[in-house]
Amino acid sequence: MAGSRALLVGDVIDDIIVVPTGPIRPDTDTTSHISRNAGGSAANTAAWLGWLGAGVDFVGRVGAGDAERHARELSEAGATPHLTEDPDRVTGTIVILVEGQQRTMLTDRGANATLDPTQVTDALLATSGILHLTGYSLVDALSPCALHELIERAHAHGATVTLDPSSTGFIADYGVEAFRTAIAGVDLLRPNLDEGRLLAGLGADAPSAAVAEALLDLAPAVLLTCGPAGVTIAEWRADAPAHIVELPAERVETVDPTGAGDSFTAGFLAARLAGADLAHAAREGQRVAAIAVSRVGGRPPAGQR
């Protein structure tokens, strides 16, 4: 029987977020607002889940001497951390350059590359209703065989497996067909529109409904986030056409889009753990993402939700 908690496995990062006050000037200074924050797609999602009051465990790997700091930040958000340290690699670091709605990310995966799937114990899986993974881990930490074994173990414990592909760049580096093969067996795929088009083999003008439906050959449910255009949901049906739902997004002022997708995922997963259907859970994801983009950084604010 499935447990009631969410189990997040994946990257934990030190984010250095740079917001220039004007156009970047090559070969000289550009005045900027620079902040340093804990991040990482999976860790961000775990923190938002804890902030929302959901039971959540996070499994990740950091550099030597950093476990206590990252564990404290996750615990303060309400997540339960399960971190190990790499003696030879630093904690993963990303420099994020924010220019309006556009972000440029310079990434050093660091200790995330040596995440060991055996850290995901049967005891953790036994309490989990959902296992959530990110595509970042496929780049270096999880082989296709290790991922398939983890998915099978989660299913054996009754957990649903969800996956965020994470990055068009990493998918392209990994190889689209290889990535598609590696994620076989997940129950719900949660790409953004660009990632979805890449994985579906469709062009840049392909509408979201067509993309979501095409991705049903990878998972029986697809949750496609489309930025200001909203969310498109597709569900596979054995005896009827695919069920497609498109949800518009409310307009919100964006201060920093970092962590928007991670917070959306957290709101969605928290609602699913509480028994919501896909559409209601997606709307909760939109609500939480609106909070995230109203502030700098990928983690939740201090205090009550």
C-alpha atoms as a PDB file:
ATOM      1  CA  MET A   1       0.000   0.000   0.000  1.00  0.00           C
ATOM      2  CA  ALA A   2       1.347   3.426  -0.943  1.00  0.00           C
ATOM      3  CA  GLY A   3       2.563   5.798   1.744  1.00  0.00           C
ATOM      4  CA  SER A   4       1.449   9.388   2.280  1.00  0.00           C
ATOM      5  CA  ARG A   5       4.721  11.240   1.771  1.00  0.00           C
ATOM      6  CA  ALA A   6       6.573  12.593  -1.259  1.00  0.00           C
ATOM      7  CA  LEU A   7      10.112  11.387  -1.924  1.00  0.00           C
ATOM      8  CA  LEU A   8      12.315  13.734  -3.971  1.00  0.00           C
ATOM      9  CA  VAL A   9      15.591  12.449  -5.401  1.00  0.00           C
ATOM     10  CA  GLY A  10      18.013  14.673  -7.269  1.00  0.00           C
ATOM     11  CA  ASP A  11      20.031  17.827  -7.358  1.00  0.00           C
ATOM     12  CA  VAL A  12      20.889  20.291  -4.621  1.00  0.00           C
ATOM     13  CA  ILE A  13      22.687  23.438  -5.765  1.00  0.00           C
ATOM     14  CA  ASP A  14      24.185  26.700  -4.554  1.00  0.00           C
ATOM     15  CA  ASP A  15      22.549  29.347  -6.764  1.00  0.00           C
ATOM     16  CA  ILE A  16      24.278  32.636  -7.486  1.00  0.00           C
ATOM     17  CA  ILE A  17      21.541  34.825  -8.971  1.00  0.00           C
ATOM     18  CA  VAL A  18      22.584  37.907 -10.930  1.00  0.00           C
ATOM     19  CA  VAL A  19      19.995  40.546 -11.898  1.00  0.00           C
ATOM     20  CA  PRO A  20      21.657  43.362 -13.911  1.00  0.00           C
ATOM     21  CA  THR A  21      20.197  46.836 -13.463  1.00  0.00           C
ATOM     22  CA  GLY A  22      20.594  47.495 -17.195  1.00  0.00           C
ATOM     23  CA  PRO A  23      21.999  45.987 -20.387  1.00  0.00           C
ATOM     24  CA  ILE A  24      25.186  43.968 -19.866  1.00  0.00           C
ATOM     25  CA  ARG A  25      28.230  45.892 -21.060  1.00  0.00           C
ATOM     26  CA  PRO A  26      31.044  43.668 -22.383  1.00  0.00           C
ATOM     27  CA  ASP A  27      34.580  44.239 -21.064  1.00  0.00           C
ATOM     28  CA  THR A  28      33.490  46.562 -18.261  1.00  0.00           C
ATOM     29  CA  ASP A  29      31.284  46.680 -15.153  1.00  0.00           C
ATOM     30  CA  THR A  30      27.519  46.264 -15.135  1.00  0.00           C
ATOM     31  CA  THR A  31      25.878  47.140 -11.821  1.00  0.00           C
ATOM     32  CA  SER A  32      23.813  44.173 -10.644  1.00  0.00           C
ATOM     33  CA  HIS A  33      21.895  42.765  -7.708  1.00  0.00           C
ATOM     34  CA  ILE A  34      23.598  39.497  -6.704  1.00  0.00           C
ATOM     35  CA  SER A  35      22.184  37.002  -4.214  1.00  0.00           C
ATOM     36  CA  ARG A  36      23.357  33.598  -3.038  1.00  0.00           C
ATOM     37  CA  ASN A  37      20.693  31.029  -2.293  1.00  0.00           C
ATOM     38  CA  ALA A  38      20.279  27.309  -1.834  1.00  0.00           C
ATOM     39  CA  GLY A  39      18.733  25.769  -4.946  1.00  0.00           C
ATOM     40  CA  GLY A  40      18.579  22.743  -7.189  1.00  0.00           C
ATOM     41  CA  SER A  41      15.407  21.598  -8.927  1.00  0.00           C
ATOM     42  CA  ALA A  42      14.659  18.596  -6.721  1.00  0.00           C
ATOM     43  CA  ALA A  43      15.739  20.333  -3.514  1.00  0.00           C
ATOM     44  CA  ASN A  44      13.662  23.411  -4.380  1.00  0.00           C
ATOM     45  CA  THR A  45      10.595  21.253  -4.957  1.00  0.00           C
ATOM     46  CA  ALA A  46      11.173  19.460  -1.650  1.00  0.00           C
ATOM     47  CA  ALA A  47      11.462  22.783   0.186  1.00  0.00           C
ATOM     48  CA  TRP A  48       8.230  24.098  -1.328  1.00  0.00           C
ATOM     49  CA  LEU A  49       6.460  20.827  -0.470  1.00  0.00           C
ATOM     50  CA  GLY A  50       7.591  21.146   3.135  1.00  0.00           C
ATOM     51  CA  TRP A  51       6.503  24.792   3.207  1.00  0.00           C
ATOM     52  CA  LEU A  52       3.070  23.703   1.980  1.00  0.00           C
ATOM     53  CA  GLY A  53       2.817  21.270   4.880  1.00  0.00           C
ATOM     54  CA  ALA A  54       3.228  18.044   2.914  1.00  0.00           C
ATOM     55  CA  GLY A  55       5.326  15.210   4.290  1.00  0.00           C
ATOM     56  CA  VAL A  56       8.473  15.116   2.158  1.00  0.00           C
ATOM     57  CA  ASP A  57      11.866  13.419   2.156  1.00  0.00           C
ATOM     58  CA  PHE A  58      14.762  14.621   0.029  1.00  0.00           C
ATOM     59  CA  VAL A  59      17.739  12.502  -1.049  1.00  0.00           C
ATOM     60  CA  GLY A  60      20.762  14.309  -2.460  1.00  0.00           C
ATOM     61  CA  ARG A  61      24.533  14.763  -2.354  1.00  0.00           C
ATOM     62  CA  VAL A  62      26.680  17.806  -1.547  1.00  0.00           C
ATOM     63  CA  GLY A  63      30.351  18.677  -1.215  1.00  0.00           C
ATOM     64  CA  ALA A  64      32.403  17.995   1.902  1.00  0.00           C
ATOM     65  CA  GLY A  65      31.339  20.168   4.819  1.00  0.00           C
ATOM     66  CA  ASP A  66      28.092  21.377   3.238  1.00  0.00           C
ATOM     67  CA  ALA A  67      25.602  18.752   4.439  1.00  0.00           C
ATOM     68  CA  GLU A  68      24.794  20.525   7.700  1.00  0.00           C
ATOM     69  CA  ARG A  69      24.108  23.862   5.978  1.00  0.00           C
ATOM     70  CA  HIS A  70      21.860  22.414   3.283  1.00  0.00           C
ATOM     71  CA  ALA A  71      20.127  20.056   5.720  1.00  0.00           C
ATOM     72  CA  ARG A  72      19.330  23.013   7.974  1.00  0.00           C
ATOM     73  CA  GLU A  73      17.796  25.027   5.142  1.00  0.00           C
ATOM     74  CA  LEU A  74      15.670  22.103   3.978  1.00  0.00           C
ATOM     75  CA  SER A  75      14.565  21.329   7.535  1.00  0.00           C
ATOM     76  CA  GLU A  76      13.607  24.949   8.162  1.00  0.00           C
ATOM     77  CA  ALA A  77      11.323  24.735   5.117  1.00  0.00           C
ATOM     78  CA  GLY A  78       9.670  21.597   6.500  1.00  0.00           C
ATOM     79  CA  ALA A  79      11.425  18.922   4.407  1.00  0.00           C
ATOM     80  CA  THR A  80      13.316  15.959   5.845  1.00  0.00           C
ATOM     81  CA  PRO A  81      16.816  15.821   4.306  1.00  0.00           C
ATOM     82  CA  HIS A  82      18.874  12.690   3.628  1.00  0.00           C
ATOM     83  CA  LEU A  83      22.200  14.076   2.427  1.00  0.00           C
ATOM     84  CA  THR A  84      25.611  12.535   1.894  1.00  0.00           C
ATOM     85  CA  GLU A  85      28.895  14.331   1.206  1.00  0.00           C
ATOM     86  CA  ASP A  86      31.339  13.839  -1.643  1.00  0.00           C
ATOM     87  CA  PRO A  87      34.913  14.153  -0.296  1.00  0.00           C
ATOM     88  CA  ASP A  88      36.338  15.251  -3.649  1.00  0.00           C
ATOM     89  CA  ARG A  89      33.720  17.452  -5.323  1.00  0.00           C
ATOM     90  CA  VAL A  90      32.197  20.765  -4.331  1.00  0.00           C
ATOM     91  CA  THR A  91      28.469  21.264  -3.958  1.00  0.00           C
ATOM     92  CA  GLY A  92      26.870  21.885  -7.341  1.00  0.00           C
ATOM     93  CA  THR A  93      26.783  25.556  -8.301  1.00  0.00           C
ATOM     94  CA  ILE A  94      24.816  27.553 -10.870  1.00  0.00           C
ATOM     95  CA  VAL A  95      25.307  31.180 -11.839  1.00  0.00           C
ATOM     96  CA  ILE A  96      21.881  32.379 -13.007  1.00  0.00           C
ATOM     97  CA  LEU A  97      21.772  35.546 -15.084  1.00  0.00           C
ATOM     98  CA  VAL A  98      18.236  36.986 -15.020  1.00  0.00           C
ATOM     99  CA  GLU A  99      17.214  39.421 -17.761  1.00  0.00           C
ATOM    100  CA  GLY A 100      13.452  39.954 -17.563  1.00  0.00           C
ATOM    101  CA  GLN A 101      11.697  36.675 -18.400  1.00  0.00           C
ATOM    102  CA  GLN A 102      14.916  35.173 -19.757  1.00  0.00           C
ATOM    103  CA  ARG A 103      17.497  33.250 -17.725  1.00  0.00           C
ATOM    104  CA  THR A 104      20.998  32.145 -18.668  1.00  0.00           C
ATOM    105  CA  MET A 105      22.420  29.385 -16.459  1.00  0.00           C
ATOM    106  CA  LEU A 106      26.105  28.502 -16.095  1.00  0.00           C
ATOM    107  CA  THR A 107      26.234  25.135 -14.342  1.00  0.00           C
ATOM    108  CA  ASP A 108      28.785  23.077 -12.423  1.00  0.00           C
ATOM    109  CA  ARG A 109      27.049  19.841 -11.378  1.00  0.00           C
ATOM    110  CA  GLY A 110      29.651  19.163  -8.670  1.00  0.00           C
ATOM    111  CA  ALA A 111      28.696  16.522  -6.100  1.00  0.00           C
ATOM    112  CA  ASN A 112      25.325  15.898  -7.756  1.00  0.00           C
ATOM    113  CA  ALA A 113      27.204  13.770 -10.296  1.00  0.00           C
ATOM    114  CA  THR A 114      27.992  11.151  -7.648  1.00  0.00           C
ATOM    115  CA  LEU A 115      24.511  10.738  -6.182  1.00  0.00           C
ATOM    116  CA  ASP A 116      24.162   7.041  -5.354  1.00  0.00           C
ATOM    117  CA  PRO A 117      20.726   5.494  -6.070  1.00  0.00           C
ATOM    118  CA  THR A 118      21.242   3.123  -3.120  1.00  0.00           C
ATOM    119  CA  GLN A 119      20.651   6.200  -0.916  1.00  0.00           C
ATOM    120  CA  VAL A 120      16.978   5.684  -1.828  1.00  0.00           C
ATOM    121  CA  THR A 121      16.216   2.979   0.689  1.00  0.00           C
ATOM    122  CA  ASP A 122      13.231   0.656   0.829  1.00  0.00           C
ATOM    123  CA  ALA A 123      12.332   2.294   4.142  1.00  0.00           C
ATOM    124  CA  LEU A 124      11.965   5.657   2.395  1.00  0.00           C
ATOM    125  CA  LEU A 125      10.000   4.149  -0.493  1.00  0.00           C
ATOM    126  CA  ALA A 126       7.671   2.378   1.922  1.00  0.00           C
ATOM    127  CA  THR A 127       6.396   5.715   3.272  1.00  0.00           C
ATOM    128  CA  SER A 128       6.090   7.388  -0.132  1.00  0.00           C
ATOM    129  CA  GLY A 129       2.966   7.871  -2.195  1.00  0.00           C
ATOM    130  CA  ILE A 130       4.928   9.723  -4.880  1.00  0.00           C
ATOM    131  CA  LEU A 131       8.536   9.430  -6.028  1.00  0.00           C
ATOM    132  CA  HIS A 132       9.559  12.548  -7.957  1.00  0.00           C
ATOM    133  CA  LEU A 133      12.707  12.630 -10.098  1.00  0.00           C
ATOM    134  CA  THR A 134      14.388  15.256 -12.257  1.00  0.00           C
ATOM    135  CA  GLY A 135      16.078  14.794 -15.603  1.00  0.00           C
ATOM    136  CA  TYR A 136      19.218  16.505 -14.330  1.00  0.00           C
ATOM    137  CA  SER A 137      20.162  13.328 -12.466  1.00  0.00           C
ATOM    138  CA  LEU A 138      20.094  11.307 -15.684  1.00  0.00           C
ATOM    139  CA  VAL A 139      23.012  13.304 -17.046  1.00  0.00           C
ATOM    140  CA  ASP A 140      25.565  11.828 -14.687  1.00  0.00           C
ATOM    141  CA  ALA A 141      24.202  10.235 -11.494  1.00  0.00           C
ATOM    142  CA  LEU A 142      21.619   7.684 -12.653  1.00  0.00           C
ATOM    143  CA  SER A 143      22.267   5.231 -15.459  1.00  0.00           C
ATOM    144  CA  PRO A 144      19.199   4.053 -17.402  1.00  0.00           C
ATOM    145  CA  CYS A 145      19.492   0.695 -15.626  1.00  0.00           C
ATOM    146  CA  ALA A 146      19.664   2.341 -12.200  1.00  0.00           C
ATOM    147  CA  LEU A 147      16.686   4.556 -13.033  1.00  0.00           C
ATOM    148  CA  HIS A 148      14.585   1.613 -14.199  1.00  0.00           C
ATOM    149  CA  GLU A 149      15.433  -0.324 -11.048  1.00  0.00           C
ATOM    150  CA  LEU A 150      14.435   2.668  -8.917  1.00  0.00           C
ATOM    151  CA  ILE A 151      11.131   3.040 -10.780  1.00  0.00           C
ATOM    152  CA  GLU A 152      10.399  -0.678 -10.347  1.00  0.00           C
ATOM    153  CA  ARG A 153      11.179  -0.503  -6.632  1.00  0.00           C
ATOM    154  CA  ALA A 154       8.880   2.500  -6.224  1.00  0.00           C
ATOM    155  CA  HIS A 155       6.060   0.722  -8.062  1.00  0.00           C
ATOM    156  CA  ALA A 156       6.572  -2.358  -5.889  1.00  0.00           C
ATOM    157  CA  HIS A 157       5.909  -0.156  -2.856  1.00  0.00           C
ATOM    158  CA  GLY A 158       2.795   1.308  -4.494  1.00  0.00           C
ATOM    159  CA  ALA A 159       4.255   4.738  -5.239  1.00  0.00           C
ATOM    160  CA  THR A 160       3.486   6.819  -8.328  1.00  0.00           C
ATOM    161  CA  VAL A 161       6.585   8.011 -10.198  1.00  0.00           C
ATOM    162  CA  THR A 162       6.678  11.521 -11.665  1.00  0.00           C
ATOM    163  CA  LEU A 163       9.532  13.077 -13.637  1.00  0.00           C
ATOM    164  CA  ASP A 164      10.475  16.616 -14.646  1.00  0.00           C
ATOM    165  CA  PRO A 165      12.799  16.463 -17.702  1.00  0.00           C
ATOM    166  CA  SER A 166      14.414  19.668 -16.394  1.00  0.00           C
ATOM    167  CA  SER A 167      16.335  21.143 -19.337  1.00  0.00           C
ATOM    168  CA  THR A 168      16.308  21.136 -23.133  1.00  0.00           C
ATOM    169  CA  GLY A 169      20.082  21.541 -23.051  1.00  0.00           C
ATOM    170  CA  PHE A 170      20.638  18.454 -20.938  1.00  0.00           C
ATOM    171  CA  ILE A 171      18.110  16.433 -22.985  1.00  0.00           C
ATOM    172  CA  ALA A 172      19.949  17.385 -26.184  1.00  0.00           C
ATOM    173  CA  ASP A 173      23.329  16.553 -24.627  1.00  0.00           C
ATOM    174  CA  TYR A 174      22.032  13.196 -23.417  1.00  0.00           C
ATOM    175  CA  GLY A 175      20.348  12.443 -26.757  1.00  0.00           C
ATOM    176  CA  VAL A 176      16.594  12.697 -27.272  1.00  0.00           C
ATOM    177  CA  GLU A 177      16.006   9.026 -28.106  1.00  0.00           C
ATOM    178  CA  ALA A 178      18.283   7.882 -25.295  1.00  0.00           C
ATOM    179  CA  PHE A 179      16.417  10.149 -22.870  1.00  0.00           C
ATOM    180  CA  ARG A 180      13.055   8.823 -24.046  1.00  0.00           C
ATOM    181  CA  THR A 181      14.255   5.256 -23.481  1.00  0.00           C
ATOM    182  CA  ALA A 182      15.733   6.056 -20.075  1.00  0.00           C
ATOM    183  CA  ILE A 183      12.490   7.490 -18.636  1.00  0.00           C
ATOM    184  CA  ALA A 184      10.288   4.580 -19.733  1.00  0.00           C
ATOM    185  CA  GLY A 185       8.022   3.498 -16.909  1.00  0.00           C
ATOM    186  CA  VAL A 186       7.254   6.847 -15.276  1.00  0.00           C
ATOM    187  CA  ASP A 187       3.594   7.462 -14.476  1.00  0.00           C
ATOM    188  CA  LEU A 188       3.495  11.205 -15.106  1.00  0.00           C
ATOM    189  CA  LEU A 189       5.773  13.384 -17.202  1.00  0.00           C
ATOM    190  CA  ARG A 190       5.997  17.102 -16.314  1.00  0.00           C
ATOM    191  CA  PRO A 191       7.947  18.976 -19.004  1.00  0.00           C
ATOM    192  CA  ASN A 192       7.655  22.586 -20.019  1.00  0.00           C
ATOM    193  CA  LEU A 193       6.559  23.325 -23.574  1.00  0.00           C
ATOM    194  CA  ASP A 194      10.067  23.539 -25.041  1.00  0.00           C
ATOM    195  CA  GLU A 195      11.117  20.277 -23.399  1.00  0.00           C
ATOM    196  CA  GLY A 196       7.880  18.655 -24.527  1.00  0.00           C
ATOM    197  CA  ARG A 197       8.355  19.687 -28.152  1.00  0.00           C
ATOM    198  CA  LEU A 198      11.908  18.342 -28.102  1.00  0.00           C
ATOM    199  CA  LEU A 199      10.896  15.006 -26.581  1.00  0.00           C
ATOM    200  CA  ALA A 200       7.893  14.666 -28.910  1.00  0.00           C
ATOM    201  CA  GLY A 201       9.962  15.483 -31.993  1.00  0.00           C
ATOM    202  CA  LEU A 202       7.655  18.372 -32.901  1.00  0.00           C
ATOM    203  CA  GLY A 203       8.541  21.806 -34.210  1.00  0.00           C
ATOM    204  CA  ALA A 204       8.717  25.108 -32.404  1.00  0.00           C
ATOM    205  CA  ASP A 205       5.187  26.048 -33.487  1.00  0.00           C
ATOM    206  CA  ALA A 206       3.487  22.827 -32.371  1.00  0.00           C
ATOM    207  CA  PRO A 207       0.482  23.639 -30.134  1.00  0.00           C
ATOM    208  CA  SER A 208       0.573  22.474 -26.551  1.00  0.00           C
ATOM    209  CA  ALA A 209      -2.369  20.062 -26.941  1.00  0.00           C
ATOM    210  CA  ALA A 210      -0.611  18.235 -29.787  1.00  0.00           C
ATOM    211  CA  VAL A 211       2.618  18.086 -27.788  1.00  0.00           C
ATOM    212  CA  ALA A 212       0.948  16.765 -24.648  1.00  0.00           C
ATOM    213  CA  GLU A 213      -0.951  14.112 -26.594  1.00  0.00           C
ATOM    214  CA  ALA A 214       2.196  13.013 -28.441  1.00  0.00           C
ATOM    215  CA  LEU A 215       4.005  12.522 -25.127  1.00  0.00           C
ATOM    216  CA  LEU A 216       1.440   9.971 -23.984  1.00  0.00           C
ATOM    217  CA  ASP A 217       3.599   7.331 -25.641  1.00  0.00           C
ATOM    218  CA  LEU A 218       6.106   8.016 -22.817  1.00  0.00           C
ATOM    219  CA  ALA A 219       3.744   8.154 -19.829  1.00  0.00           C
ATOM    220  CA  PRO A 220       0.005   7.658 -19.217  1.00  0.00           C
ATOM    221  CA  ALA A 221      -0.314  11.232 -17.955  1.00  0.00           C
ATOM    222  CA  VAL A 222       1.404  14.416 -19.107  1.00  0.00           C
ATOM    223  CA  LEU A 223       1.410  17.804 -17.394  1.00  0.00           C
ATOM    224  CA  LEU A 224       2.801  20.402 -19.785  1.00  0.00           C
ATOM    225  CA  THR A 225       3.591  23.851 -18.383  1.00  0.00           C
ATOM    226  CA  CYS A 226       3.434  26.636 -20.963  1.00  0.00           C
ATOM    227  CA  GLY A 227       4.512  29.734 -19.045  1.00  0.00           C
ATOM    228  CA  PRO A 228       2.065  32.653 -19.349  1.00  0.00           C
ATOM    229  CA  ALA A 229      -0.152  30.493 -21.602  1.00  0.00           C
ATOM    230  CA  GLY A 230      -1.014  28.178 -18.717  1.00  0.00           C
ATOM    231  CA  VAL A 231      -0.980  24.386 -18.420  1.00  0.00           C
ATOM    232  CA  THR A 232      -2.041  21.566 -20.719  1.00  0.00           C
ATOM    233  CA  ILE A 233      -2.922  18.155 -19.288  1.00  0.00           C
ATOM    234  CA  ALA A 234      -3.205  14.933 -21.267  1.00  0.00           C
ATOM    235  CA  GLU A 235      -4.376  11.553 -19.942  1.00  0.00           C
ATOM    236  CA  TRP A 236      -4.238   8.279 -21.829  1.00  0.00           C
ATOM    237  CA  ARG A 237      -7.474   6.285 -22.139  1.00  0.00           C
ATOM    238  CA  ALA A 238      -7.639   2.720 -23.337  1.00  0.00           C
ATOM    239  CA  ASP A 239     -11.072   2.879 -24.947  1.00  0.00           C
ATOM    240  CA  ALA A 240     -11.420   6.540 -25.916  1.00  0.00           C
ATOM    241  CA  PRO A 241      -9.424   9.458 -27.333  1.00  0.00           C
ATOM    242  CA  ALA A 242      -6.871  11.053 -25.032  1.00  0.00           C
ATOM    243  CA  HIS A 243      -8.396  13.421 -22.496  1.00  0.00           C
ATOM    244  CA  ILE A 244      -6.948  16.933 -22.992  1.00  0.00           C
ATOM    245  CA  VAL A 245      -7.504  19.858 -20.612  1.00  0.00           C
ATOM    246  CA  GLU A 246      -6.030  23.341 -21.075  1.00  0.00           C
ATOM    247  CA  LEU A 247      -5.890  25.640 -18.058  1.00  0.00           C
ATOM    248  CA  PRO A 248      -5.174  29.361 -18.554  1.00  0.00           C
ATOM    249  CA  ALA A 249      -2.729  31.147 -16.270  1.00  0.00           C
ATOM    250  CA  GLU A 250      -3.448  34.277 -14.289  1.00  0.00           C
ATOM    251  CA  ARG A 251      -1.199  37.234 -15.051  1.00  0.00           C
ATOM    252  CA  VAL A 252       1.294  37.903 -12.272  1.00  0.00           C
ATOM    253  CA  GLU A 253       4.226  40.290 -11.990  1.00  0.00           C
ATOM    254  CA  THR A 254       7.479  38.348 -12.298  1.00  0.00           C
ATOM    255  CA  VAL A 255      10.433  39.444 -10.189  1.00  0.00           C
ATOM    256  CA  ASP A 256      12.535  36.310 -10.777  1.00  0.00           C
ATOM    257  CA  PRO A 257      11.401  33.198 -12.706  1.00  0.00           C
ATOM    258  CA  THR A 258      13.987  31.005 -10.908  1.00  0.00           C
ATOM    259  CA  GLY A 259      12.204  28.069  -9.296  1.00  0.00           C
ATOM    260  CA  ALA A 260       8.851  28.728 -10.974  1.00  0.00           C
ATOM    261  CA  GLY A 261       8.656  25.207 -12.360  1.00  0.00           C
ATOM    262  CA  ASP A 262       9.882  23.634  -9.114  1.00  0.00           C
ATOM    263  CA  SER A 263       7.296  25.474  -7.013  1.00  0.00           C
ATOM    264  CA  PHE A 264       4.583  24.556  -9.519  1.00  0.00           C
ATOM    265  CA  THR A 265       5.588  20.911  -9.185  1.00  0.00           C
ATOM    266  CA  ALA A 266       5.447  21.159  -5.411  1.00  0.00           C
ATOM    267  CA  GLY A 267       1.948  22.614  -5.404  1.00  0.00           C
ATOM    268  CA  PHE A 268       0.840  19.949  -7.853  1.00  0.00           C
ATOM    269  CA  LEU A 269       2.385  17.062  -5.887  1.00  0.00           C
ATOM    270  CA  ALA A 270       1.031  18.301  -2.556  1.00  0.00           C
ATOM    271  CA  ALA A 271      -2.468  18.409  -4.008  1.00  0.00           C
ATOM    272  CA  ARG A 272      -2.089  14.957  -5.556  1.00  0.00           C
ATOM    273  CA  LEU A 273      -0.999  13.532  -2.207  1.00  0.00           C
ATOM    274  CA  ALA A 274      -4.166  15.048  -0.744  1.00  0.00           C
ATOM    275  CA  GLY A 275      -6.282  13.255  -3.369  1.00  0.00           C
ATOM    276  CA  ALA A 276      -6.884  16.016  -5.953  1.00  0.00           C
ATOM    277  CA  ASP A 277      -7.391  15.146  -9.619  1.00  0.00           C
ATOM    278  CA  LEU A 278      -4.895  16.346 -12.212  1.00  0.00           C
ATOM    279  CA  ALA A 279      -6.718  19.576 -13.087  1.00  0.00           C
ATOM    280  CA  HIS A 280      -7.259  20.680  -9.488  1.00  0.00           C
ATOM    281  CA  ALA A 281      -3.679  19.772  -8.623  1.00  0.00           C
ATOM    282  CA  ALA A 282      -2.401  21.792 -11.598  1.00  0.00           C
ATOM    283  CA  ARG A 283      -4.340  24.849 -10.425  1.00  0.00           C
ATOM    284  CA  GLU A 284      -2.708  24.508  -7.022  1.00  0.00           C
ATOM    285  CA  GLY A 285       0.631  24.348  -8.798  1.00  0.00           C
ATOM    286  CA  GLN A 286      -0.186  27.609 -10.561  1.00  0.00           C
ATOM    287  CA  ARG A 287      -1.068  29.257  -7.252  1.00  0.00           C
ATOM    288  CA  VAL A 288       2.235  28.287  -5.664  1.00  0.00           C
ATOM    289  CA  ALA A 289       4.261  29.262  -8.747  1.00  0.00           C
ATOM    290  CA  ALA A 290       2.698  32.744  -8.620  1.00  0.00           C
ATOM    291  CA  ILE A 291       4.140  33.136  -5.128  1.00  0.00           C
ATOM    292  CA  ALA A 292       7.557  31.906  -6.270  1.00  0.00           C
ATOM    293  CA  VAL A 293       7.993  34.324  -9.179  1.00  0.00           C
ATOM    294  CA  SER A 294       7.068  37.291  -7.011  1.00  0.00           C
ATOM    295  CA  ARG A 295      10.397  37.025  -5.144  1.00  0.00           C
ATOM    296  CA  VAL A 296      14.087  36.399  -5.828  1.00  0.00           C
ATOM    297  CA  GLY A 297      15.362  32.827  -5.512  1.00  0.00           C
ATOM    298  CA  GLY A 298      13.991  29.345  -5.972  1.00  0.00           C
ATOM    299  CA  ARG A 299      13.024  28.557  -2.374  1.00  0.00           C
ATOM    300  CA  PRO A 300       9.856  29.456  -0.406  1.00  0.00           C
ATOM    301  CA  PRO A 301       9.638  32.510   1.849  1.00  0.00           C
ATOM    302  CA  ALA A 302       9.950  32.180   5.589  1.00  0.00           C
ATOM    303  CA  GLY A 303       6.738  31.900   7.559  1.00  0.00           C
ATOM    304  CA  GLN A 304       3.295  30.548   6.830  1.00  0.00           C
ATOM    305  CA  ARG A 305       2.054  29.749   3.326  1.00  0.00           C
END
